[in-house]
Amino acid sequence: MTYGEANLRISDFEWDEGNALHLELGHGIEPQEVEEVFVNNPLFRRTKKGHYAAFGPTSAGRYLTIVFESKGKGIIRPITGWDMKRAEIQYYKKNKR
């Protein structure tokens, strides 16, 4: 997966009670939905705090923004996420490959 000029290959996700429960209870997002976003050709941006944001749909068509960090060796750790706002959906649809 490409991030601007950097190339990050995602081979696995780092899940534990902390990030899985935060996404499920805090935002109503299941870990499976997070992983689906990465399979469905997401759009990526770097965040101000040095993490990454992935914008994309789940297999059911729910548009999500997922903030994550790279742990190296192809492993990423989802941090938080939310349902895309209208402007984010427009940005995704305009800029997706």
N, C-alpha and C. Protein backbone atom coordinates (compact mmCIF):
# COMPACT_ATOMS: atom_id res chain seq x y z
N MET A 1 0.85 -1.16 0.00
CA MET A 1 0.00 0.00 0.00
C MET A 1 0.89 1.23 0.00
N THR A 2 0.52 2.20 -0.75
CA THR A 2 1.39 3.35 -0.93
C THR A 2 0.91 4.55 -0.13
N TYR A 3 1.82 5.22 0.53
CA TYR A 3 1.57 6.42 1.30
C TYR A 3 2.43 7.52 0.72
N GLY A 4 1.89 8.33 -0.16
CA GLY A 4 2.71 9.35 -0.79
C GLY A 4 3.87 8.70 -1.48
N GLU A 5 5.06 9.00 -1.04
CA GLU A 5 6.25 8.42 -1.66
C GLU A 5 6.77 7.21 -0.89
N ALA A 6 6.22 6.99 0.30
CA ALA A 6 6.64 5.83 1.09
C ALA A 6 5.79 4.62 0.71
N ASN A 7 6.33 3.46 0.89
CA ASN A 7 5.60 2.24 0.57
C ASN A 7 5.50 1.40 1.84
N LEU A 8 4.28 1.07 2.25
CA LEU A 8 4.06 0.30 3.46
C LEU A 8 3.25 -0.93 3.10
N ARG A 9 3.83 -2.08 3.32
CA ARG A 9 3.12 -3.33 3.05
C ARG A 9 2.47 -3.81 4.34
N ILE A 10 1.18 -4.05 4.27
CA ILE A 10 0.43 -4.47 5.45
C ILE A 10 0.18 -5.97 5.36
N SER A 11 0.74 -6.68 6.33
CA SER A 11 0.59 -8.13 6.34
C SER A 11 -0.24 -8.62 7.52
N ASP A 12 -0.37 -7.78 8.57
CA ASP A 12 -1.11 -8.22 9.75
C ASP A 12 -1.54 -7.02 10.57
N PHE A 13 -2.49 -7.27 11.47
CA PHE A 13 -3.02 -6.25 12.36
C PHE A 13 -2.69 -6.61 13.79
N GLU A 14 -2.36 -5.61 14.59
CA GLU A 14 -2.11 -5.82 16.02
C GLU A 14 -3.39 -5.48 16.77
N TRP A 15 -4.05 -6.51 17.28
CA TRP A 15 -5.29 -6.35 18.05
C TRP A 15 -5.06 -6.80 19.49
N ASP A 16 -5.63 -6.07 20.41
CA ASP A 16 -5.70 -6.49 21.80
C ASP A 16 -6.98 -5.89 22.38
N GLU A 17 -7.24 -6.13 23.66
CA GLU A 17 -8.48 -5.62 24.25
C GLU A 17 -8.56 -4.11 24.16
N GLY A 18 -7.43 -3.44 24.27
CA GLY A 18 -7.43 -1.98 24.26
C GLY A 18 -7.98 -1.39 22.98
N ASN A 19 -7.37 -1.73 21.85
CA ASN A 19 -7.83 -1.10 20.62
C ASN A 19 -9.12 -1.73 20.09
N ALA A 20 -9.31 -3.02 20.27
CA ALA A 20 -10.54 -3.66 19.80
C ALA A 20 -11.76 -3.13 20.56
N LEU A 21 -11.66 -3.06 21.89
CA LEU A 21 -12.78 -2.56 22.70
C LEU A 21 -13.03 -1.08 22.43
N HIS A 22 -11.98 -0.30 22.27
CA HIS A 22 -12.15 1.13 21.98
C HIS A 22 -12.96 1.32 20.70
N LEU A 23 -12.59 0.59 19.66
CA LEU A 23 -13.31 0.72 18.39
C LEU A 23 -14.74 0.21 18.50
N GLU A 24 -14.93 -0.93 19.17
CA GLU A 24 -16.28 -1.52 19.28
C GLU A 24 -17.20 -0.69 20.19
N LEU A 25 -16.75 -0.41 21.40
CA LEU A 25 -17.60 0.28 22.36
C LEU A 25 -17.65 1.78 22.13
N GLY A 26 -16.52 2.36 21.76
CA GLY A 26 -16.47 3.80 21.58
C GLY A 26 -17.01 4.29 20.25
N HIS A 27 -16.91 3.44 19.21
CA HIS A 27 -17.27 3.91 17.87
C HIS A 27 -18.18 2.96 17.10
N GLY A 28 -18.51 1.82 17.70
CA GLY A 28 -19.40 0.87 17.03
C GLY A 28 -18.80 0.21 15.80
N ILE A 29 -17.46 0.07 15.80
CA ILE A 29 -16.76 -0.51 14.66
C ILE A 29 -16.14 -1.84 15.08
N GLU A 30 -16.48 -2.90 14.37
CA GLU A 30 -15.94 -4.23 14.65
C GLU A 30 -14.55 -4.36 14.03
N PRO A 31 -13.63 -5.12 14.66
CA PRO A 31 -12.31 -5.33 14.06
C PRO A 31 -12.39 -5.85 12.62
N GLN A 32 -13.34 -6.70 12.33
CA GLN A 32 -13.49 -7.22 10.96
C GLN A 32 -13.76 -6.08 9.98
N GLU A 33 -14.56 -5.09 10.39
CA GLU A 33 -14.84 -3.95 9.51
C GLU A 33 -13.58 -3.14 9.23
N VAL A 34 -12.74 -2.99 10.26
CA VAL A 34 -11.47 -2.28 10.08
C VAL A 34 -10.64 -2.99 9.01
N GLU A 35 -10.51 -4.29 9.13
CA GLU A 35 -9.71 -5.05 8.18
C GLU A 35 -10.30 -4.99 6.78
N GLU A 36 -11.63 -4.95 6.67
CA GLU A 36 -12.27 -4.85 5.36
C GLU A 36 -11.92 -3.55 4.66
N VAL A 37 -11.80 -2.46 5.41
CA VAL A 37 -11.42 -1.17 4.81
C VAL A 37 -10.09 -1.30 4.07
N PHE A 38 -9.15 -2.04 4.67
CA PHE A 38 -7.82 -2.18 4.07
C PHE A 38 -7.83 -3.09 2.84
N VAL A 39 -8.80 -3.97 2.74
CA VAL A 39 -8.92 -4.86 1.58
C VAL A 39 -9.60 -4.14 0.41
N ASN A 40 -10.44 -3.16 0.72
CA ASN A 40 -11.28 -2.51 -0.29
C ASN A 40 -10.69 -1.22 -0.86
N ASN A 41 -9.39 -1.24 -1.18
CA ASN A 41 -8.73 -0.13 -1.86
C ASN A 41 -8.91 1.22 -1.16
N PRO A 42 -8.40 1.35 0.08
CA PRO A 42 -8.57 2.61 0.81
C PRO A 42 -7.68 3.72 0.27
N LEU A 43 -7.99 4.91 0.69
CA LEU A 43 -7.18 6.09 0.42
C LEU A 43 -6.45 6.41 1.72
N PHE A 44 -5.18 6.77 1.64
CA PHE A 44 -4.38 7.01 2.84
C PHE A 44 -3.90 8.45 2.92
N ARG A 45 -3.80 8.95 4.16
CA ARG A 45 -3.20 10.25 4.43
C ARG A 45 -2.41 10.16 5.72
N ARG A 46 -1.40 10.96 5.82
CA ARG A 46 -0.62 11.06 7.06
C ARG A 46 -1.34 12.02 8.00
N THR A 47 -1.36 11.73 9.30
CA THR A 47 -2.02 12.62 10.25
C THR A 47 -1.00 13.60 10.83
N LYS A 48 -1.50 14.62 11.49
CA LYS A 48 -0.63 15.62 12.11
C LYS A 48 0.21 15.03 13.23
N LYS A 49 -0.28 13.95 13.86
CA LYS A 49 0.45 13.32 14.96
C LYS A 49 1.40 12.23 14.49
N GLY A 50 1.57 12.08 13.17
CA GLY A 50 2.52 11.11 12.65
C GLY A 50 1.95 9.72 12.42
N HIS A 51 0.67 9.56 12.60
CA HIS A 51 0.02 8.29 12.29
C HIS A 51 -0.49 8.33 10.86
N TYR A 52 -1.29 7.37 10.49
CA TYR A 52 -1.91 7.34 9.17
C TYR A 52 -3.42 7.22 9.33
N ALA A 53 -4.13 7.71 8.33
CA ALA A 53 -5.59 7.53 8.28
C ALA A 53 -5.91 6.81 6.99
N ALA A 54 -6.76 5.80 7.09
CA ALA A 54 -7.24 5.06 5.93
C ALA A 54 -8.72 5.40 5.76
N PHE A 55 -9.09 5.79 4.55
CA PHE A 55 -10.48 6.12 4.23
C PHE A 55 -10.98 5.07 3.26
N GLY A 56 -12.11 4.43 3.59
CA GLY A 56 -12.63 3.45 2.65
C GLY A 56 -13.88 2.77 3.15
N PRO A 57 -14.49 1.97 2.27
CA PRO A 57 -15.71 1.27 2.62
C PRO A 57 -15.44 -0.12 3.20
N THR A 58 -16.39 -0.58 3.99
CA THR A 58 -16.38 -1.98 4.42
C THR A 58 -17.02 -2.79 3.30
N SER A 59 -17.05 -4.09 3.45
CA SER A 59 -17.69 -4.94 2.44
C SER A 59 -19.19 -4.67 2.35
N ALA A 60 -19.78 -4.19 3.45
CA ALA A 60 -21.22 -3.88 3.47
C ALA A 60 -21.51 -2.47 2.97
N GLY A 61 -20.43 -1.70 2.64
CA GLY A 61 -20.63 -0.36 2.10
C GLY A 61 -20.63 0.75 3.13
N ARG A 62 -20.25 0.45 4.36
CA ARG A 62 -20.13 1.48 5.41
C ARG A 62 -18.80 2.20 5.19
N TYR A 63 -18.82 3.52 5.07
CA TYR A 63 -17.61 4.29 4.85
C TYR A 63 -16.99 4.67 6.19
N LEU A 64 -15.74 4.22 6.40
CA LEU A 64 -15.05 4.45 7.67
C LEU A 64 -13.72 5.17 7.46
N THR A 65 -13.33 5.93 8.48
CA THR A 65 -11.98 6.47 8.59
C THR A 65 -11.33 5.72 9.74
N ILE A 66 -10.17 5.13 9.49
CA ILE A 66 -9.44 4.37 10.50
C ILE A 66 -8.07 4.99 10.68
N VAL A 67 -7.75 5.40 11.91
CA VAL A 67 -6.43 5.94 12.24
C VAL A 67 -5.60 4.78 12.79
N PHE A 68 -4.37 4.67 12.28
CA PHE A 68 -3.52 3.55 12.69
C PHE A 68 -2.07 3.96 12.71
N GLU A 69 -1.25 3.13 13.34
CA GLU A 69 0.20 3.35 13.35
C GLU A 69 0.88 2.12 12.78
N SER A 70 2.02 2.35 12.16
CA SER A 70 2.83 1.26 11.64
C SER A 70 3.75 0.77 12.75
N LYS A 71 3.73 -0.54 12.99
CA LYS A 71 4.59 -1.13 14.01
C LYS A 71 5.85 -1.75 13.39
N GLY A 72 5.98 -1.63 12.07
CA GLY A 72 7.12 -2.22 11.36
C GLY A 72 6.84 -3.65 10.95
N LYS A 73 7.61 -4.14 10.02
CA LYS A 73 7.51 -5.51 9.51
C LYS A 73 6.10 -5.84 9.01
N GLY A 74 5.41 -4.84 8.45
CA GLY A 74 4.10 -5.07 7.86
C GLY A 74 2.94 -5.12 8.83
N ILE A 75 3.21 -4.83 10.10
CA ILE A 75 2.15 -4.89 11.12
C ILE A 75 1.65 -3.48 11.41
N ILE A 76 0.32 -3.33 11.41
CA ILE A 76 -0.27 -2.04 11.78
C ILE A 76 -1.17 -2.23 12.99
N ARG A 77 -1.28 -1.16 13.77
CA ARG A 77 -2.14 -1.16 14.96
C ARG A 77 -3.23 -0.12 14.77
N PRO A 78 -4.47 -0.55 14.57
CA PRO A 78 -5.57 0.42 14.52
C PRO A 78 -5.70 1.13 15.87
N ILE A 79 -5.89 2.44 15.83
CA ILE A 79 -5.97 3.24 17.05
C ILE A 79 -7.40 3.68 17.32
N THR A 80 -8.03 4.24 16.32
CA THR A 80 -9.39 4.74 16.46
C THR A 80 -10.05 4.79 15.09
N GLY A 81 -11.31 5.12 15.07
CA GLY A 81 -12.01 5.21 13.79
C GLY A 81 -13.38 5.81 13.97
N TRP A 82 -14.01 6.13 12.86
CA TRP A 82 -15.35 6.70 12.89
C TRP A 82 -16.00 6.55 11.52
N ASP A 83 -17.33 6.72 11.50
CA ASP A 83 -18.04 6.76 10.23
C ASP A 83 -17.66 8.06 9.54
N MET A 84 -17.32 7.96 8.26
CA MET A 84 -16.93 9.15 7.52
C MET A 84 -18.06 10.17 7.51
N LYS A 85 -17.66 11.43 7.63
CA LYS A 85 -18.60 12.53 7.44
C LYS A 85 -18.75 12.76 5.94
N ARG A 86 -19.76 13.50 5.56
CA ARG A 86 -20.05 13.73 4.15
C ARG A 86 -18.81 14.26 3.39
N ALA A 87 -18.09 15.21 3.98
CA ALA A 87 -16.91 15.77 3.32
C ALA A 87 -15.82 14.71 3.12
N GLU A 88 -15.67 13.80 4.09
CA GLU A 88 -14.67 12.74 3.97
C GLU A 88 -15.05 11.76 2.86
N ILE A 89 -16.35 11.45 2.74
CA ILE A 89 -16.80 10.56 1.66
C ILE A 89 -16.54 11.21 0.31
N GLN A 90 -16.81 12.51 0.19
CA GLN A 90 -16.55 13.21 -1.07
C GLN A 90 -15.05 13.21 -1.38
N TYR A 91 -14.21 13.44 -0.37
CA TYR A 91 -12.76 13.40 -0.55
C TYR A 91 -12.32 12.02 -1.03
N TYR A 92 -12.85 10.98 -0.39
CA TYR A 92 -12.49 9.62 -0.78
C TYR A 92 -12.88 9.34 -2.24
N LYS A 93 -14.12 9.64 -2.58
CA LYS A 93 -14.60 9.34 -3.92
C LYS A 93 -13.86 10.15 -4.98
N LYS A 94 -13.46 11.37 -4.65
CA LYS A 94 -12.75 12.21 -5.61
C LYS A 94 -11.30 11.74 -5.82
N ASN A 95 -10.69 11.23 -4.77
CA ASN A 95 -9.25 10.92 -4.82
C ASN A 95 -8.89 9.45 -4.89
N LYS A 96 -9.86 8.55 -4.77
CA LYS A 96 -9.49 7.12 -4.81
C LYS A 96 -8.98 6.75 -6.18
N ARG A 97 -8.16 5.70 -6.21
CA ARG A 97 -7.52 5.28 -7.46
C ARG A 97 -8.44 4.45 -8.29
